[in-house]
Amino acid sequence: MIIDPIADLLTRIRNGYLARLQTVEAPFSRLKEQILRILKKNQYIIDYTVSEDKRSFVITLQDVRKTKYVPSFRRISRPGQRMYIKATEIKKSRNGFGIYILSTPKGVVTGYEAHTLGVGGELLCEVY
């Protein structure tokens, strides 16, 4: 049983990069799928596919040997301590070099999109 599935997803991706793996497998959920969509759009992963029975993801990672860059993932809002943020309080992540991922009433979006939409929400994680 996984207590924090989002932290588990981020840890699997981080460990895959550190082990220089091409693909990583993770259990399926719709929230994780939206997080992976954002990571793909911001080029932190190459692609992800959902298995036919919708039980797991296969995540394709960038080749670390070519880029020499391992992205860092930090879980902010945890099950024991939820962190909520207003639209006016959203700042740049790492002076614009990273992104925040928020769960808002408009869906799972980046910090930039949430600020543009004028909505706040739960601050899930930071990727840089």
N, C-alpha and C. Protein backbone atom coordinates (compact mmCIF):
# COMPACT_ATOMS: atom_id res chain seq x y z
N MET A 1 0.84 -1.18 0.00
CA MET A 1 0.00 0.00 0.00
C MET A 1 0.89 1.25 0.00
N ILE A 2 0.61 2.15 -0.91
CA ILE A 2 1.39 3.37 -1.02
C ILE A 2 0.64 4.50 -0.31
N ILE A 3 1.30 5.15 0.63
CA ILE A 3 0.68 6.22 1.40
C ILE A 3 0.55 7.48 0.55
N ASP A 4 1.61 7.88 -0.15
CA ASP A 4 1.61 9.10 -0.95
C ASP A 4 1.96 8.74 -2.40
N PRO A 5 0.95 8.54 -3.26
CA PRO A 5 1.21 8.08 -4.63
C PRO A 5 1.95 9.10 -5.49
N ILE A 6 1.78 10.40 -5.24
CA ILE A 6 2.47 11.41 -6.05
C ILE A 6 3.96 11.41 -5.71
N ALA A 7 4.29 11.31 -4.43
CA ALA A 7 5.70 11.23 -4.02
C ALA A 7 6.32 9.95 -4.56
N ASP A 8 5.55 8.87 -4.62
CA ASP A 8 6.06 7.63 -5.18
C ASP A 8 6.38 7.79 -6.67
N LEU A 9 5.51 8.47 -7.41
CA LEU A 9 5.75 8.72 -8.83
C LEU A 9 7.02 9.55 -9.04
N LEU A 10 7.15 10.63 -8.29
CA LEU A 10 8.32 11.49 -8.42
C LEU A 10 9.60 10.76 -8.04
N THR A 11 9.54 9.91 -7.02
CA THR A 11 10.70 9.14 -6.61
C THR A 11 11.09 8.12 -7.66
N ARG A 12 10.11 7.48 -8.29
CA ARG A 12 10.41 6.51 -9.35
C ARG A 12 11.11 7.19 -10.52
N ILE A 13 10.63 8.39 -10.90
CA ILE A 13 11.25 9.12 -12.01
C ILE A 13 12.66 9.55 -11.63
N ARG A 14 12.84 10.10 -10.42
CA ARG A 14 14.17 10.53 -9.96
C ARG A 14 15.14 9.36 -9.93
N ASN A 15 14.71 8.23 -9.37
CA ASN A 15 15.58 7.06 -9.30
C ASN A 15 15.91 6.52 -10.69
N GLY A 16 14.96 6.62 -11.61
CA GLY A 16 15.21 6.19 -12.98
C GLY A 16 16.29 7.04 -13.64
N TYR A 17 16.24 8.35 -13.40
CA TYR A 17 17.28 9.23 -13.94
C TYR A 17 18.65 8.91 -13.32
N LEU A 18 18.67 8.72 -12.01
CA LEU A 18 19.94 8.46 -11.33
C LEU A 18 20.54 7.10 -11.72
N ALA A 19 19.68 6.13 -12.05
CA ALA A 19 20.15 4.82 -12.48
C ALA A 19 20.37 4.77 -14.00
N ARG A 20 20.13 5.89 -14.67
CA ARG A 20 20.30 6.02 -16.13
C ARG A 20 19.45 5.02 -16.90
N LEU A 21 18.19 4.86 -16.47
CA LEU A 21 17.26 3.97 -17.15
C LEU A 21 16.58 4.70 -18.30
N GLN A 22 16.16 3.94 -19.30
CA GLN A 22 15.42 4.53 -20.43
C GLN A 22 13.94 4.65 -20.11
N THR A 23 13.38 3.66 -19.41
CA THR A 23 11.96 3.67 -19.08
C THR A 23 11.77 3.32 -17.60
N VAL A 24 10.67 3.82 -17.06
CA VAL A 24 10.28 3.56 -15.67
C VAL A 24 8.81 3.20 -15.68
N GLU A 25 8.41 2.30 -14.81
CA GLU A 25 7.01 1.91 -14.72
C GLU A 25 6.44 2.42 -13.40
N ALA A 26 5.17 2.89 -13.45
CA ALA A 26 4.51 3.41 -12.25
C ALA A 26 3.03 3.05 -12.30
N PRO A 27 2.37 2.89 -11.16
CA PRO A 27 0.94 2.59 -11.14
C PRO A 27 0.11 3.74 -11.72
N PHE A 28 -1.07 3.42 -12.23
CA PHE A 28 -1.91 4.39 -12.92
C PHE A 28 -2.85 5.12 -11.95
N SER A 29 -3.04 6.42 -12.20
CA SER A 29 -4.13 7.20 -11.63
C SER A 29 -4.32 8.43 -12.52
N ARG A 30 -5.49 9.01 -12.49
CA ARG A 30 -5.76 10.17 -13.36
C ARG A 30 -4.96 11.39 -12.94
N LEU A 31 -4.74 11.58 -11.64
CA LEU A 31 -3.95 12.71 -11.16
C LEU A 31 -2.50 12.58 -11.63
N LYS A 32 -1.96 11.38 -11.54
CA LYS A 32 -0.59 11.16 -12.02
C LYS A 32 -0.50 11.39 -13.53
N GLU A 33 -1.53 11.03 -14.26
CA GLU A 33 -1.54 11.24 -15.71
C GLU A 33 -1.48 12.73 -16.04
N GLN A 34 -2.18 13.55 -15.27
CA GLN A 34 -2.14 14.99 -15.49
C GLN A 34 -0.77 15.57 -15.12
N ILE A 35 -0.14 15.05 -14.08
CA ILE A 35 1.20 15.50 -13.71
C ILE A 35 2.20 15.11 -14.80
N LEU A 36 2.09 13.90 -15.33
CA LEU A 36 2.98 13.46 -16.40
C LEU A 36 2.77 14.27 -17.67
N ARG A 37 1.53 14.70 -17.93
CA ARG A 37 1.26 15.55 -19.09
C ARG A 37 2.02 16.87 -18.96
N ILE A 38 2.04 17.44 -17.77
CA ILE A 38 2.77 18.69 -17.53
C ILE A 38 4.28 18.47 -17.66
N LEU A 39 4.78 17.36 -17.11
CA LEU A 39 6.21 17.07 -17.20
C LEU A 39 6.64 16.86 -18.65
N LYS A 40 5.78 16.24 -19.46
CA LYS A 40 6.10 16.05 -20.87
C LYS A 40 6.07 17.39 -21.62
N LYS A 41 5.09 18.21 -21.31
CA LYS A 41 4.97 19.51 -21.99
C LYS A 41 6.17 20.40 -21.68
N ASN A 42 6.71 20.30 -20.48
CA ASN A 42 7.87 21.11 -20.09
C ASN A 42 9.19 20.38 -20.29
N GLN A 43 9.17 19.26 -20.99
CA GLN A 43 10.35 18.51 -21.43
C GLN A 43 11.19 17.96 -20.29
N TYR A 44 10.56 17.55 -19.18
CA TYR A 44 11.27 16.86 -18.12
C TYR A 44 11.29 15.36 -18.36
N ILE A 45 10.32 14.86 -19.16
CA ILE A 45 10.31 13.48 -19.62
C ILE A 45 10.04 13.51 -21.12
N ILE A 46 10.38 12.43 -21.81
CA ILE A 46 10.14 12.39 -23.26
C ILE A 46 8.70 12.05 -23.55
N ASP A 47 8.18 10.96 -22.95
CA ASP A 47 6.83 10.51 -23.24
C ASP A 47 6.36 9.58 -22.14
N TYR A 48 5.07 9.30 -22.13
CA TYR A 48 4.51 8.30 -21.24
C TYR A 48 3.38 7.59 -21.97
N THR A 49 3.18 6.35 -21.68
CA THR A 49 2.08 5.59 -22.27
C THR A 49 1.35 4.86 -21.15
N VAL A 50 0.06 4.66 -21.38
CA VAL A 50 -0.77 3.95 -20.42
C VAL A 50 -0.92 2.52 -20.93
N SER A 51 -0.79 1.55 -20.04
CA SER A 51 -0.94 0.16 -20.45
C SER A 51 -2.38 -0.09 -20.90
N GLU A 52 -2.59 -1.18 -21.62
CA GLU A 52 -3.89 -1.47 -22.20
C GLU A 52 -4.97 -1.68 -21.13
N ASP A 53 -4.61 -2.25 -20.01
CA ASP A 53 -5.58 -2.50 -18.95
C ASP A 53 -5.70 -1.34 -17.97
N LYS A 54 -5.03 -0.21 -18.26
CA LYS A 54 -5.06 1.00 -17.43
C LYS A 54 -4.65 0.71 -15.99
N ARG A 55 -3.57 -0.04 -15.83
CA ARG A 55 -3.08 -0.34 -14.50
C ARG A 55 -1.72 0.27 -14.23
N SER A 56 -1.01 0.70 -15.29
CA SER A 56 0.31 1.27 -15.07
C SER A 56 0.71 2.19 -16.22
N PHE A 57 1.72 3.02 -15.94
CA PHE A 57 2.34 3.90 -16.92
C PHE A 57 3.69 3.33 -17.28
N VAL A 58 4.13 3.58 -18.51
CA VAL A 58 5.51 3.35 -18.89
C VAL A 58 6.04 4.72 -19.29
N ILE A 59 6.99 5.24 -18.51
CA ILE A 59 7.49 6.61 -18.68
C ILE A 59 8.86 6.53 -19.35
N THR A 60 9.01 7.23 -20.47
CA THR A 60 10.28 7.28 -21.18
C THR A 60 11.06 8.50 -20.72
N LEU A 61 12.27 8.28 -20.21
CA LEU A 61 13.09 9.36 -19.68
C LEU A 61 14.09 9.84 -20.71
N GLN A 62 14.61 11.05 -20.50
CA GLN A 62 15.65 11.58 -21.37
C GLN A 62 16.96 10.85 -21.09
N ASP A 63 17.83 10.81 -22.08
CA ASP A 63 19.12 10.16 -21.91
C ASP A 63 20.06 11.10 -21.14
N VAL A 64 20.43 10.70 -19.93
CA VAL A 64 21.24 11.55 -19.06
C VAL A 64 22.66 11.71 -19.62
N ARG A 65 23.12 10.71 -20.36
CA ARG A 65 24.47 10.78 -20.92
C ARG A 65 24.59 11.91 -21.93
N LYS A 66 23.49 12.20 -22.63
CA LYS A 66 23.51 13.27 -23.64
C LYS A 66 23.29 14.64 -23.01
N THR A 67 22.36 14.73 -22.07
CA THR A 67 22.01 16.03 -21.50
C THR A 67 22.86 16.39 -20.29
N LYS A 68 23.32 15.39 -19.54
CA LYS A 68 24.08 15.59 -18.29
C LYS A 68 23.31 16.44 -17.29
N TYR A 69 21.98 16.35 -17.35
CA TYR A 69 21.12 17.11 -16.46
C TYR A 69 20.09 16.16 -15.86
N VAL A 70 20.09 16.06 -14.55
CA VAL A 70 19.10 15.24 -13.86
C VAL A 70 18.13 16.19 -13.17
N PRO A 71 16.86 16.22 -13.59
CA PRO A 71 15.91 17.12 -12.94
C PRO A 71 15.66 16.72 -11.48
N SER A 72 15.38 17.71 -10.67
CA SER A 72 15.08 17.47 -9.25
C SER A 72 13.58 17.62 -9.04
N PHE A 73 13.02 16.73 -8.25
CA PHE A 73 11.60 16.73 -7.95
C PHE A 73 11.44 16.89 -6.44
N ARG A 74 10.60 17.82 -6.02
CA ARG A 74 10.39 18.05 -4.59
C ARG A 74 8.90 18.08 -4.31
N ARG A 75 8.44 17.20 -3.47
CA ARG A 75 7.03 17.15 -3.07
C ARG A 75 6.82 18.20 -2.01
N ILE A 76 5.82 19.06 -2.18
CA ILE A 76 5.58 20.14 -1.23
C ILE A 76 4.38 19.83 -0.34
N SER A 77 3.22 19.61 -0.93
CA SER A 77 2.02 19.30 -0.15
C SER A 77 1.99 17.80 0.11
N ARG A 78 1.99 17.43 1.36
CA ARG A 78 2.02 16.02 1.73
C ARG A 78 0.69 15.63 2.37
N PRO A 79 0.40 14.34 2.48
CA PRO A 79 -0.86 13.94 3.12
C PRO A 79 -0.98 14.42 4.56
N GLY A 80 0.12 14.55 5.27
CA GLY A 80 0.08 15.01 6.66
C GLY A 80 0.06 16.51 6.81
N GLN A 81 0.46 17.24 5.77
CA GLN A 81 0.48 18.70 5.82
C GLN A 81 0.21 19.24 4.43
N ARG A 82 -1.03 19.58 4.18
CA ARG A 82 -1.42 20.12 2.88
C ARG A 82 -1.01 21.58 2.80
N MET A 83 -0.54 22.00 1.62
CA MET A 83 -0.12 23.38 1.39
C MET A 83 -1.00 23.98 0.30
N TYR A 84 -1.72 25.02 0.64
CA TYR A 84 -2.57 25.72 -0.32
C TYR A 84 -2.00 27.10 -0.56
N ILE A 85 -2.20 27.63 -1.76
CA ILE A 85 -1.61 28.91 -2.13
C ILE A 85 -2.63 29.69 -2.96
N LYS A 86 -2.67 31.00 -2.73
CA LYS A 86 -3.56 31.86 -3.49
C LYS A 86 -2.91 32.22 -4.82
N ALA A 87 -3.71 32.70 -5.75
CA ALA A 87 -3.19 33.08 -7.07
C ALA A 87 -2.20 34.24 -6.96
N THR A 88 -2.42 35.13 -6.01
CA THR A 88 -1.54 36.28 -5.85
C THR A 88 -0.22 35.92 -5.18
N GLU A 89 -0.15 34.75 -4.53
CA GLU A 89 1.05 34.33 -3.81
C GLU A 89 1.97 33.45 -4.65
N ILE A 90 1.58 33.13 -5.88
CA ILE A 90 2.39 32.24 -6.72
C ILE A 90 3.61 33.00 -7.22
N LYS A 91 4.79 32.45 -6.93
CA LYS A 91 6.05 33.07 -7.35
C LYS A 91 6.72 32.20 -8.41
N LYS A 92 7.81 32.71 -8.96
CA LYS A 92 8.60 31.92 -9.90
C LYS A 92 9.36 30.85 -9.13
N SER A 93 9.48 29.70 -9.73
CA SER A 93 10.23 28.62 -9.13
C SER A 93 11.68 28.70 -9.58
N ARG A 94 12.59 28.82 -8.64
CA ARG A 94 14.02 28.88 -8.93
C ARG A 94 14.36 29.97 -9.95
N ASN A 95 13.79 31.16 -9.76
CA ASN A 95 14.00 32.31 -10.65
C ASN A 95 13.64 31.99 -12.09
N GLY A 96 12.60 31.20 -12.30
CA GLY A 96 12.14 30.89 -13.64
C GLY A 96 12.75 29.64 -14.25
N PHE A 97 13.66 28.96 -13.54
CA PHE A 97 14.28 27.75 -14.08
C PHE A 97 13.52 26.48 -13.73
N GLY A 98 12.51 26.59 -12.89
CA GLY A 98 11.72 25.43 -12.50
C GLY A 98 10.24 25.73 -12.64
N ILE A 99 9.42 24.75 -12.31
CA ILE A 99 7.97 24.94 -12.35
C ILE A 99 7.35 24.40 -11.06
N TYR A 100 6.26 25.02 -10.67
CA TYR A 100 5.40 24.50 -9.63
C TYR A 100 4.24 23.80 -10.32
N ILE A 101 3.76 22.72 -9.72
CA ILE A 101 2.57 22.04 -10.23
C ILE A 101 1.50 22.15 -9.16
N LEU A 102 0.34 22.71 -9.55
CA LEU A 102 -0.75 22.95 -8.63
C LEU A 102 -1.99 22.19 -9.06
N SER A 103 -2.78 21.77 -8.07
CA SER A 103 -4.09 21.19 -8.31
C SER A 103 -5.11 22.28 -8.01
N THR A 104 -5.79 22.76 -9.04
CA THR A 104 -6.72 23.88 -8.91
C THR A 104 -8.12 23.44 -9.33
N PRO A 105 -9.13 24.29 -9.13
CA PRO A 105 -10.46 23.98 -9.66
C PRO A 105 -10.49 23.89 -11.19
N LYS A 106 -9.52 24.47 -11.87
CA LYS A 106 -9.43 24.41 -13.33
C LYS A 106 -8.63 23.19 -13.79
N GLY A 107 -8.20 22.33 -12.88
CA GLY A 107 -7.41 21.15 -13.22
C GLY A 107 -6.00 21.28 -12.69
N VAL A 108 -5.17 20.32 -13.05
CA VAL A 108 -3.76 20.34 -12.64
C VAL A 108 -3.00 21.20 -13.64
N VAL A 109 -2.38 22.28 -13.16
CA VAL A 109 -1.70 23.24 -14.03
C VAL A 109 -0.37 23.64 -13.39
N THR A 110 0.46 24.31 -14.19
CA THR A 110 1.71 24.85 -13.67
C THR A 110 1.44 26.15 -12.92
N GLY A 111 2.43 26.63 -12.22
CA GLY A 111 2.29 27.88 -11.47
C GLY A 111 2.03 29.07 -12.38
N TYR A 112 2.69 29.07 -13.56
CA TYR A 112 2.49 30.16 -14.52
C TYR A 112 1.05 30.18 -15.02
N GLU A 113 0.51 29.01 -15.36
CA GLU A 113 -0.86 28.93 -15.86
C GLU A 113 -1.86 29.31 -14.78
N ALA A 114 -1.61 28.89 -13.54
CA ALA A 114 -2.52 29.22 -12.44
C ALA A 114 -2.53 30.73 -12.20
N HIS A 115 -1.36 31.35 -12.27
CA HIS A 115 -1.28 32.81 -12.09
C HIS A 115 -2.02 33.53 -13.22
N THR A 116 -1.88 33.04 -14.44
CA THR A 116 -2.58 33.63 -15.58
C THR A 116 -4.08 33.46 -15.46
N LEU A 117 -4.52 32.26 -15.02
CA LEU A 117 -5.95 32.00 -14.86
C LEU A 117 -6.54 32.70 -13.64
N GLY A 118 -5.68 33.11 -12.71
CA GLY A 118 -6.14 33.79 -11.50
C GLY A 118 -6.75 32.84 -10.48
N VAL A 119 -6.25 31.61 -10.44
CA VAL A 119 -6.76 30.63 -9.48
C VAL A 119 -5.62 30.11 -8.61
N GLY A 120 -5.95 29.77 -7.40
CA GLY A 120 -4.99 29.16 -6.49
C GLY A 120 -5.38 27.70 -6.29
N GLY A 121 -4.66 27.03 -5.43
CA GLY A 121 -4.97 25.63 -5.18
C GLY A 121 -3.90 24.96 -4.34
N GLU A 122 -3.92 23.64 -4.38
CA GLU A 122 -2.95 22.87 -3.60
C GLU A 122 -1.63 22.80 -4.36
N LEU A 123 -0.56 23.17 -3.70
CA LEU A 123 0.77 23.18 -4.29
C LEU A 123 1.34 21.76 -4.18
N LEU A 124 1.26 21.00 -5.28
CA LEU A 124 1.65 19.60 -5.24
C LEU A 124 3.15 19.40 -5.17
N CYS A 125 3.89 19.98 -6.13
CA CYS A 125 5.32 19.72 -6.17
C CYS A 125 6.05 20.80 -6.96
N GLU A 126 7.37 20.75 -6.88
CA GLU A 126 8.24 21.66 -7.62
C GLU A 126 9.22 20.81 -8.41
N VAL A 127 9.42 21.17 -9.66
CA VAL A 127 10.36 20.47 -10.53
C VAL A 127 11.35 21.49 -11.06
N TYR A 128 12.64 21.20 -10.93
CA TYR A 128 13.66 22.11 -11.42
C TYR A 128 14.88 21.36 -11.87
